[in-house]
Amino acid sequence: MIMKKMSLKTSIMTALLLCFGISFSNAQSKDEKRKKRPTFSELVEKMDENKDGKISLEEVKGPLKEHFTSIDTDEDGFMSEEEFKAMPKPKGRRERSN
């Protein structure tokens, strides 16, 4: 009887630790994916609908759309690679350098 209680407790503790470990591991990998800032080439590949090699206000999506006019410093209607690189990083986000 005592052995059964010990085995049951051990099994429950093992299962809880395993679940916690998996949850923690998944949370870390999601954070790492989210923190990586895309390159300009990746943005062009995803957003350039007319395949002209440029990103216009009509093509841009997400938070970049809200800030497009401040990013497009030369006001030509397109986001250049230089403008993208000069864009400030979002507040509260730090990229890790490994």
N, C-alpha and C. Protein backbone atom coordinates (compact mmCIF):
# COMPACT_ATOMS: atom_id res chain seq x y z
N MET A 1 0.83 -1.19 0.00
CA MET A 1 0.00 0.00 0.00
C MET A 1 0.87 1.25 0.00
N ILE A 2 1.89 1.28 0.83
CA ILE A 2 2.80 2.43 0.89
C ILE A 2 3.53 2.58 -0.43
N MET A 3 3.89 1.48 -1.03
CA MET A 3 4.61 1.50 -2.31
C MET A 3 3.73 2.08 -3.41
N LYS A 4 2.43 1.76 -3.40
CA LYS A 4 1.50 2.29 -4.40
C LYS A 4 1.38 3.80 -4.25
N LYS A 5 1.30 4.31 -3.01
CA LYS A 5 1.21 5.76 -2.77
C LYS A 5 2.46 6.46 -3.26
N MET A 6 3.63 5.88 -3.00
CA MET A 6 4.88 6.47 -3.44
C MET A 6 4.95 6.49 -4.96
N SER A 7 4.54 5.42 -5.60
CA SER A 7 4.56 5.35 -7.06
C SER A 7 3.60 6.35 -7.67
N LEU A 8 2.43 6.48 -7.06
CA LEU A 8 1.44 7.43 -7.57
C LEU A 8 1.97 8.87 -7.43
N LYS A 9 2.53 9.20 -6.28
CA LYS A 9 3.09 10.53 -6.07
C LYS A 9 4.23 10.80 -7.04
N THR A 10 5.10 9.83 -7.21
CA THR A 10 6.23 9.96 -8.12
C THR A 10 5.74 10.15 -9.55
N SER A 11 4.74 9.40 -9.95
CA SER A 11 4.19 9.51 -11.30
C SER A 11 3.57 10.89 -11.53
N ILE A 12 2.81 11.37 -10.56
CA ILE A 12 2.16 12.69 -10.69
C ILE A 12 3.22 13.79 -10.76
N MET A 13 4.21 13.72 -9.89
CA MET A 13 5.27 14.73 -9.90
C MET A 13 6.04 14.72 -11.22
N THR A 14 6.33 13.54 -11.73
CA THR A 14 7.04 13.41 -13.00
C THR A 14 6.21 14.02 -14.14
N ALA A 15 4.92 13.72 -14.16
CA ALA A 15 4.04 14.25 -15.20
C ALA A 15 3.96 15.78 -15.12
N LEU A 16 3.85 16.33 -13.91
CA LEU A 16 3.78 17.78 -13.74
C LEU A 16 5.08 18.45 -14.20
N LEU A 17 6.20 17.88 -13.83
CA LEU A 17 7.49 18.44 -14.24
C LEU A 17 7.66 18.37 -15.76
N LEU A 18 7.22 17.30 -16.35
CA LEU A 18 7.31 17.13 -17.80
C LEU A 18 6.44 18.19 -18.51
N CYS A 19 5.22 18.37 -18.03
CA CYS A 19 4.32 19.39 -18.62
C CYS A 19 4.91 20.79 -18.47
N PHE A 20 5.45 21.10 -17.31
CA PHE A 20 6.05 22.40 -17.09
C PHE A 20 7.25 22.62 -18.02
N GLY A 21 8.06 21.61 -18.16
CA GLY A 21 9.23 21.71 -19.03
C GLY A 21 8.85 21.94 -20.48
N ILE A 22 7.85 21.24 -20.95
CA ILE A 22 7.40 21.41 -22.33
C ILE A 22 6.82 22.81 -22.53
N SER A 23 6.01 23.27 -21.59
CA SER A 23 5.41 24.60 -21.70
C SER A 23 6.48 25.68 -21.70
N PHE A 24 7.45 25.56 -20.83
CA PHE A 24 8.53 26.55 -20.75
C PHE A 24 9.35 26.56 -22.03
N SER A 25 9.63 25.40 -22.54
CA SER A 25 10.42 25.28 -23.77
C SER A 25 9.69 25.91 -24.96
N ASN A 26 8.39 25.66 -25.09
CA ASN A 26 7.60 26.25 -26.17
C ASN A 26 7.52 27.76 -26.04
N ALA A 27 7.37 28.26 -24.84
CA ALA A 27 7.30 29.71 -24.63
C ALA A 27 8.60 30.38 -25.05
N GLN A 28 9.73 29.77 -24.75
CA GLN A 28 11.01 30.35 -25.13
C GLN A 28 11.17 30.39 -26.63
N SER A 29 10.83 29.34 -27.33
CA SER A 29 11.02 29.33 -28.78
C SER A 29 10.10 30.32 -29.47
N LYS A 30 8.88 30.53 -28.96
CA LYS A 30 7.97 31.52 -29.54
C LYS A 30 8.54 32.93 -29.33
N ASP A 31 9.08 33.20 -28.15
CA ASP A 31 9.67 34.52 -27.87
C ASP A 31 10.85 34.79 -28.80
N GLU A 32 11.68 33.78 -29.04
CA GLU A 32 12.85 33.97 -29.89
C GLU A 32 12.43 34.25 -31.33
N LYS A 33 11.40 33.58 -31.81
CA LYS A 33 10.91 33.82 -33.16
C LYS A 33 10.32 35.22 -33.28
N ARG A 34 9.59 35.64 -32.26
CA ARG A 34 8.94 36.93 -32.29
C ARG A 34 9.94 38.08 -32.21
N LYS A 35 11.04 37.91 -31.53
CA LYS A 35 11.99 38.99 -31.32
C LYS A 35 12.90 39.24 -32.51
N LYS A 36 12.99 38.30 -33.41
CA LYS A 36 13.87 38.47 -34.56
C LYS A 36 13.25 39.45 -35.55
N ARG A 37 13.96 40.52 -35.81
CA ARG A 37 13.49 41.53 -36.76
C ARG A 37 13.75 41.03 -38.18
N PRO A 38 12.73 41.09 -39.07
CA PRO A 38 12.95 40.61 -40.43
C PRO A 38 13.91 41.52 -41.18
N THR A 39 14.57 40.96 -42.18
CA THR A 39 15.43 41.77 -43.03
C THR A 39 14.57 42.47 -44.06
N PHE A 40 15.13 43.48 -44.72
CA PHE A 40 14.41 44.18 -45.76
C PHE A 40 14.06 43.23 -46.90
N SER A 41 14.97 42.34 -47.24
CA SER A 41 14.72 41.36 -48.30
C SER A 41 13.53 40.46 -47.96
N GLU A 42 13.43 40.06 -46.69
CA GLU A 42 12.31 39.23 -46.27
C GLU A 42 10.99 39.99 -46.38
N LEU A 43 11.01 41.28 -46.02
CA LEU A 43 9.81 42.09 -46.15
C LEU A 43 9.39 42.24 -47.60
N VAL A 44 10.35 42.51 -48.47
CA VAL A 44 10.04 42.66 -49.90
C VAL A 44 9.44 41.35 -50.42
N GLU A 45 10.03 40.23 -50.03
CA GLU A 45 9.54 38.93 -50.49
C GLU A 45 8.09 38.69 -50.04
N LYS A 46 7.77 39.09 -48.81
CA LYS A 46 6.42 38.86 -48.27
C LYS A 46 5.40 39.87 -48.76
N MET A 47 5.79 41.14 -48.90
CA MET A 47 4.81 42.21 -49.11
C MET A 47 4.74 42.77 -50.53
N ASP A 48 5.77 42.58 -51.32
CA ASP A 48 5.82 43.19 -52.65
C ASP A 48 4.86 42.46 -53.61
N GLU A 49 3.61 42.89 -53.60
CA GLU A 49 2.58 42.21 -54.38
C GLU A 49 2.77 42.34 -55.89
N ASN A 50 3.24 43.50 -56.36
CA ASN A 50 3.39 43.69 -57.81
C ASN A 50 4.79 43.34 -58.30
N LYS A 51 5.62 42.84 -57.40
CA LYS A 51 6.97 42.34 -57.72
C LYS A 51 7.85 43.38 -58.42
N ASP A 52 7.76 44.63 -57.94
CA ASP A 52 8.63 45.67 -58.50
C ASP A 52 9.88 45.91 -57.65
N GLY A 53 10.03 45.11 -56.58
CA GLY A 53 11.21 45.23 -55.72
C GLY A 53 11.12 46.35 -54.71
N LYS A 54 9.93 46.94 -54.57
CA LYS A 54 9.72 48.05 -53.64
C LYS A 54 8.50 47.76 -52.76
N ILE A 55 8.43 48.43 -51.62
CA ILE A 55 7.28 48.29 -50.74
C ILE A 55 6.59 49.65 -50.66
N SER A 56 5.35 49.69 -51.13
CA SER A 56 4.58 50.93 -51.09
C SER A 56 3.60 50.89 -49.91
N LEU A 57 2.96 52.01 -49.64
CA LEU A 57 1.97 52.10 -48.57
C LEU A 57 0.84 51.10 -48.80
N GLU A 58 0.44 50.92 -50.04
CA GLU A 58 -0.65 50.00 -50.36
C GLU A 58 -0.25 48.54 -50.10
N GLU A 59 1.02 48.23 -50.19
CA GLU A 59 1.49 46.85 -50.01
C GLU A 59 1.86 46.52 -48.57
N VAL A 60 2.28 47.51 -47.81
CA VAL A 60 2.78 47.26 -46.46
C VAL A 60 1.64 46.80 -45.54
N LYS A 61 1.97 45.91 -44.60
CA LYS A 61 0.99 45.35 -43.67
C LYS A 61 1.50 45.48 -42.24
N GLY A 62 0.59 45.32 -41.30
CA GLY A 62 0.95 45.28 -39.89
C GLY A 62 1.35 46.64 -39.33
N PRO A 63 2.15 46.62 -38.26
CA PRO A 63 2.54 47.86 -37.59
C PRO A 63 3.31 48.82 -38.50
N LEU A 64 3.98 48.30 -39.52
CA LEU A 64 4.71 49.19 -40.43
C LEU A 64 3.76 50.13 -41.17
N LYS A 65 2.55 49.68 -41.42
CA LYS A 65 1.57 50.51 -42.15
C LYS A 65 1.25 51.78 -41.35
N GLU A 66 1.11 51.62 -40.02
CA GLU A 66 0.80 52.77 -39.16
C GLU A 66 1.90 53.82 -39.18
N HIS A 67 3.14 53.38 -39.35
CA HIS A 67 4.29 54.28 -39.27
C HIS A 67 4.94 54.55 -40.62
N PHE A 68 4.27 54.16 -41.70
CA PHE A 68 4.88 54.24 -43.03
C PHE A 68 5.33 55.66 -43.37
N THR A 69 4.50 56.66 -43.09
CA THR A 69 4.86 58.04 -43.47
C THR A 69 6.09 58.53 -42.73
N SER A 70 6.29 58.07 -41.50
CA SER A 70 7.50 58.49 -40.78
C SER A 70 8.72 57.69 -41.22
N ILE A 71 8.52 56.48 -41.73
CA ILE A 71 9.62 55.66 -42.23
C ILE A 71 10.08 56.17 -43.60
N ASP A 72 9.12 56.56 -44.44
CA ASP A 72 9.40 57.04 -45.80
C ASP A 72 9.91 58.49 -45.73
N THR A 73 11.14 58.64 -45.29
CA THR A 73 11.69 59.98 -45.04
C THR A 73 11.89 60.81 -46.30
N ASP A 74 12.11 60.18 -47.45
CA ASP A 74 12.26 60.97 -48.68
C ASP A 74 10.92 61.21 -49.37
N GLU A 75 9.84 60.72 -48.77
CA GLU A 75 8.46 60.93 -49.22
C GLU A 75 8.23 60.58 -50.69
N ASP A 76 8.85 59.48 -51.13
CA ASP A 76 8.65 59.04 -52.52
C ASP A 76 7.54 58.00 -52.64
N GLY A 77 6.92 57.63 -51.51
CA GLY A 77 5.83 56.66 -51.53
C GLY A 77 6.28 55.22 -51.39
N PHE A 78 7.58 55.01 -51.22
CA PHE A 78 8.12 53.67 -51.08
C PHE A 78 9.07 53.61 -49.89
N MET A 79 9.18 52.43 -49.28
CA MET A 79 10.15 52.23 -48.22
C MET A 79 11.40 51.62 -48.84
N SER A 80 12.51 52.33 -48.70
CA SER A 80 13.78 51.81 -49.22
C SER A 80 14.49 51.01 -48.14
N GLU A 81 15.50 50.29 -48.54
CA GLU A 81 16.28 49.51 -47.57
C GLU A 81 16.96 50.44 -46.57
N GLU A 82 17.46 51.58 -47.05
CA GLU A 82 18.12 52.53 -46.15
C GLU A 82 17.13 53.09 -45.13
N GLU A 83 15.92 53.40 -45.58
CA GLU A 83 14.90 53.91 -44.66
C GLU A 83 14.51 52.83 -43.64
N PHE A 84 14.42 51.60 -44.10
CA PHE A 84 14.10 50.49 -43.21
C PHE A 84 15.17 50.32 -42.14
N LYS A 85 16.43 50.38 -42.55
CA LYS A 85 17.53 50.21 -41.59
C LYS A 85 17.61 51.37 -40.60
N ALA A 86 17.23 52.57 -41.04
CA ALA A 86 17.29 53.74 -40.17
C ALA A 86 16.10 53.83 -39.21
N MET A 87 15.09 53.03 -39.47
CA MET A 87 13.88 53.04 -38.66
C MET A 87 14.21 52.64 -37.23
N PRO A 88 13.67 53.37 -36.23
CA PRO A 88 13.96 52.99 -34.84
C PRO A 88 13.31 51.66 -34.49
N LYS A 89 13.94 50.93 -33.57
CA LYS A 89 13.38 49.66 -33.11
C LYS A 89 12.17 49.96 -32.24
N PRO A 90 11.18 49.05 -32.25
CA PRO A 90 10.01 49.24 -31.40
C PRO A 90 10.41 49.30 -29.93
N LYS A 91 9.71 50.12 -29.16
CA LYS A 91 10.00 50.25 -27.73
C LYS A 91 9.65 48.96 -27.01
N GLY A 92 10.45 48.64 -26.01
CA GLY A 92 10.19 47.46 -25.19
C GLY A 92 10.68 46.16 -25.81
N ARG A 93 11.35 46.26 -26.94
CA ARG A 93 11.88 45.07 -27.60
C ARG A 93 13.37 45.14 -27.68
N ARG A 94 14.01 44.09 -27.26
CA ARG A 94 15.47 44.03 -27.37
C ARG A 94 15.84 42.82 -28.18
N GLU A 95 16.70 43.02 -29.15
CA GLU A 95 17.20 41.88 -29.93
C GLU A 95 18.44 41.35 -29.24
N ARG A 96 18.52 40.03 -29.18
CA ARG A 96 19.67 39.40 -28.54
C ARG A 96 20.79 39.24 -29.55
N SER A 97 21.98 39.44 -29.08
CA SER A 97 23.13 39.16 -29.94
C SER A 97 23.86 37.98 -29.34
N ASN A 98 23.85 36.86 -30.05
CA ASN A 98 24.49 35.64 -29.54
C ASN A 98 25.82 35.45 -30.17
